[in-house]
Amino acid sequence: MKYLILIYRDPPAAGRPAHEAHAALARDLAGGGELIAAETLADPTQTKRVHAGRVVDGPPPDAGAQPAAFYLVECETLDCAIEHAARAPEAAAGRVEVRPVLCRGGLEM
């Protein structure tokens, strides 16, 4: 099953120790054949939102921590994905989310 591990941060970014921890996690996931994709997202100030048919700059005004990075993994179980997510430095502050990916290609809503 595929899982999205979503990392949230308050700007500014966490810095060098977090970078090294994420690099090690990505290496381990890739080495174990579980990593599908891992990316860092642009600063929230570069966000574009669509609201009532108009394009609006930036995240919502009431937004707290913003999505900063993600891992898309394929794991046997949710518990396995949670174990990987717990290795992210942001997990200590409750800033990591694990979500099952429900469909393959196309949207189901």
C-alpha atoms as a PDB file:
ATOM      1  CA  MET A   1       0.000   0.000   0.000  1.00  0.00           C
ATOM      2  CA  LYS A   2       1.156   3.524  -0.707  1.00  0.00           C
ATOM      3  CA  TYR A   3       1.400   6.135   2.055  1.00  0.00           C
ATOM      4  CA  LEU A   4       2.094   9.858   1.985  1.00  0.00           C
ATOM      5  CA  ILE A   5       4.318  11.084   4.800  1.00  0.00           C
ATOM      6  CA  LEU A   6       3.777  14.840   4.983  1.00  0.00           C
ATOM      7  CA  ILE A   7       6.199  17.036   6.930  1.00  0.00           C
ATOM      8  CA  TYR A   8       5.010  20.376   8.373  1.00  0.00           C
ATOM      9  CA  ARG A   9       7.260  23.241   9.505  1.00  0.00           C
ATOM     10  CA  ASP A  10       6.961  26.791  10.723  1.00  0.00           C
ATOM     11  CA  PRO A  11       9.190  29.091   8.670  1.00  0.00           C
ATOM     12  CA  PRO A  12      12.143  29.380   8.841  1.00  0.00           C
ATOM     13  CA  ALA A  13      13.107  25.811   7.939  1.00  0.00           C
ATOM     14  CA  ALA A  14      14.582  23.529  10.593  1.00  0.00           C
ATOM     15  CA  GLY A  15      18.167  23.797   9.342  1.00  0.00           C
ATOM     16  CA  ARG A  16      21.144  21.502   8.953  1.00  0.00           C
ATOM     17  CA  PRO A  17      20.393  18.766  11.548  1.00  0.00           C
ATOM     18  CA  ALA A  18      16.954  18.195   9.997  1.00  0.00           C
ATOM     19  CA  HIS A  19      18.493  18.092   6.522  1.00  0.00           C
ATOM     20  CA  GLU A  20      20.917  15.349   7.554  1.00  0.00           C
ATOM     21  CA  ALA A  21      18.185  13.325   9.284  1.00  0.00           C
ATOM     22  CA  HIS A  22      15.966  13.537   6.200  1.00  0.00           C
ATOM     23  CA  ALA A  23      18.847  12.576   3.903  1.00  0.00           C
ATOM     24  CA  ALA A  24      19.485   9.473   6.037  1.00  0.00           C
ATOM     25  CA  LEU A  25      15.782   8.576   6.045  1.00  0.00           C
ATOM     26  CA  ALA A  26      15.543   8.957   2.252  1.00  0.00           C
ATOM     27  CA  ARG A  27      18.664   6.792   1.776  1.00  0.00           C
ATOM     28  CA  ASP A  28      17.247   4.064   4.019  1.00  0.00           C
ATOM     29  CA  LEU A  29      13.843   4.123   2.317  1.00  0.00           C
ATOM     30  CA  ALA A  30      15.476   3.973  -1.126  1.00  0.00           C
ATOM     31  CA  GLY A  31      17.804   1.175  -0.018  1.00  0.00           C
ATOM     32  CA  GLY A  32      14.846  -0.832   1.266  1.00  0.00           C
ATOM     33  CA  GLY A  33      12.909  -0.336  -1.957  1.00  0.00           C
ATOM     34  CA  GLU A  34      10.080   1.519  -0.190  1.00  0.00           C
ATOM     35  CA  LEU A  35      10.713   5.054  -1.487  1.00  0.00           C
ATOM     36  CA  ILE A  36       8.653   6.164  -4.479  1.00  0.00           C
ATOM     37  CA  ALA A  37       9.350   9.918  -4.236  1.00  0.00           C
ATOM     38  CA  ALA A  38      10.659  12.456  -1.747  1.00  0.00           C
ATOM     39  CA  GLU A  39      10.653  16.195  -2.325  1.00  0.00           C
ATOM     40  CA  THR A  40      11.047  19.462  -0.461  1.00  0.00           C
ATOM     41  CA  LEU A  41       8.328  22.013  -1.172  1.00  0.00           C
ATOM     42  CA  ALA A  42       8.938  25.679  -1.997  1.00  0.00           C
ATOM     43  CA  ASP A  43       8.580  28.324   0.707  1.00  0.00           C
ATOM     44  CA  PRO A  44       4.899  28.992   1.554  1.00  0.00           C
ATOM     45  CA  THR A  45       5.229  32.556   0.247  1.00  0.00           C
ATOM     46  CA  GLN A  46       5.381  31.036  -3.246  1.00  0.00           C
ATOM     47  CA  THR A  47       1.983  29.371  -2.796  1.00  0.00           C
ATOM     48  CA  LYS A  48      -0.808  30.109  -5.258  1.00  0.00           C
ATOM     49  CA  ARG A  49      -4.372  29.298  -4.177  1.00  0.00           C
ATOM     50  CA  VAL A  50      -7.495  29.199  -6.266  1.00  0.00           C
ATOM     51  CA  HIS A  51     -10.384  30.850  -4.412  1.00  0.00           C
ATOM     52  CA  ALA A  52     -13.769  31.406  -6.051  1.00  0.00           C
ATOM     53  CA  GLY A  53     -12.190  31.226  -9.488  1.00  0.00           C
ATOM     54  CA  ARG A  54      -9.428  33.735  -8.698  1.00  0.00           C
ATOM     55  CA  VAL A  55      -5.744  33.135  -8.054  1.00  0.00           C
ATOM     56  CA  VAL A  56      -4.602  34.341  -4.639  1.00  0.00           C
ATOM     57  CA  ASP A  57      -0.967  34.581  -3.489  1.00  0.00           C
ATOM     58  CA  GLY A  58       0.285  32.881  -0.352  1.00  0.00           C
ATOM     59  CA  PRO A  59      -1.114  30.389   2.124  1.00  0.00           C
ATOM     60  CA  PRO A  60      -4.400  31.061   3.928  1.00  0.00           C
ATOM     61  CA  PRO A  61      -3.976  33.904   6.445  1.00  0.00           C
ATOM     62  CA  ASP A  62      -4.839  31.671   9.411  1.00  0.00           C
ATOM     63  CA  ALA A  63      -2.398  28.931   8.382  1.00  0.00           C
ATOM     64  CA  GLY A  64       0.006  27.775  11.060  1.00  0.00           C
ATOM     65  CA  ALA A  65       2.627  25.200  10.194  1.00  0.00           C
ATOM     66  CA  GLN A  66       2.866  24.683   6.442  1.00  0.00           C
ATOM     67  CA  PRO A  67       3.616  21.551   4.391  1.00  0.00           C
ATOM     68  CA  ALA A  68       7.371  21.614   3.784  1.00  0.00           C
ATOM     69  CA  ALA A  69       8.273  18.206   2.352  1.00  0.00           C
ATOM     70  CA  PHE A  70       6.873  14.775   1.621  1.00  0.00           C
ATOM     71  CA  TYR A  71       7.785  11.157   1.134  1.00  0.00           C
ATOM     72  CA  LEU A  72       5.649   8.843  -0.963  1.00  0.00           C
ATOM     73  CA  VAL A  73       6.380   5.308   0.204  1.00  0.00           C
ATOM     74  CA  GLU A  74       5.155   1.800  -0.462  1.00  0.00           C
ATOM     75  CA  CYS A  75       4.973  -0.207   2.751  1.00  0.00           C
ATOM     76  CA  GLU A  76       3.416  -3.507   3.768  1.00  0.00           C
ATOM     77  CA  THR A  77       1.474  -1.908   6.633  1.00  0.00           C
ATOM     78  CA  LEU A  78       0.419   1.427   8.084  1.00  0.00           C
ATOM     79  CA  ASP A  79       2.561   0.636  11.134  1.00  0.00           C
ATOM     80  CA  CYS A  80       5.623   0.362   8.900  1.00  0.00           C
ATOM     81  CA  ALA A  81       4.895   3.777   7.346  1.00  0.00           C
ATOM     82  CA  ILE A  82       4.397   5.254  10.820  1.00  0.00           C
ATOM     83  CA  GLU A  83       7.765   3.859  11.949  1.00  0.00           C
ATOM     84  CA  HIS A  84       9.442   5.600   9.007  1.00  0.00           C
ATOM     85  CA  ALA A  85       7.560   8.849   9.680  1.00  0.00           C
ATOM     86  CA  ALA A  86       8.636   8.794  13.328  1.00  0.00           C
ATOM     87  CA  ARG A  87      12.261   9.156  12.200  1.00  0.00           C
ATOM     88  CA  ALA A  88      11.618  12.646  10.805  1.00  0.00           C
ATOM     89  CA  PRO A  89      12.871  15.311  13.254  1.00  0.00           C
ATOM     90  CA  GLU A  90       9.525  17.128  13.000  1.00  0.00           C
ATOM     91  CA  ALA A  91       7.739  14.095  14.482  1.00  0.00           C
ATOM     92  CA  ALA A  92       8.925  15.109  17.973  1.00  0.00           C
ATOM     93  CA  ALA A  93       6.701  18.205  17.683  1.00  0.00           C
ATOM     94  CA  GLY A  94       3.745  16.346  16.121  1.00  0.00           C
ATOM     95  CA  ARG A  95       4.413  17.859  12.692  1.00  0.00           C
ATOM     96  CA  VAL A  96       4.352  14.665  10.615  1.00  0.00           C
ATOM     97  CA  GLU A  97       1.242  13.200   9.039  1.00  0.00           C
ATOM     98  CA  VAL A  98       0.856   9.718   7.511  1.00  0.00           C
ATOM     99  CA  ARG A  99      -1.992   9.189   5.070  1.00  0.00           C
ATOM    100  CA  PRO A 100      -2.888   6.139   2.984  1.00  0.00           C
ATOM    101  CA  VAL A 101      -3.078   6.793  -0.752  1.00  0.00           C
ATOM    102  CA  LEU A 102      -6.450   5.433  -1.843  1.00  0.00           C
ATOM    103  CA  CYS A 103      -6.337   5.174  -5.624  1.00  0.00           C
ATOM    104  CA  ARG A 104      -3.812   4.629  -8.349  1.00  0.00           C
ATOM    105  CA  GLY A 105      -3.954   7.318 -11.005  1.00  0.00           C
ATOM    106  CA  GLY A 106      -6.958   9.579 -11.361  1.00  0.00           C
ATOM    107  CA  LEU A 107      -8.931  11.123  -8.544  1.00  0.00           C
ATOM    108  CA  GLU A 108     -11.663   9.535  -6.490  1.00  0.00           C
ATOM    109  CA  MET A 109     -13.692  12.098  -4.598  1.00  0.00           C
END
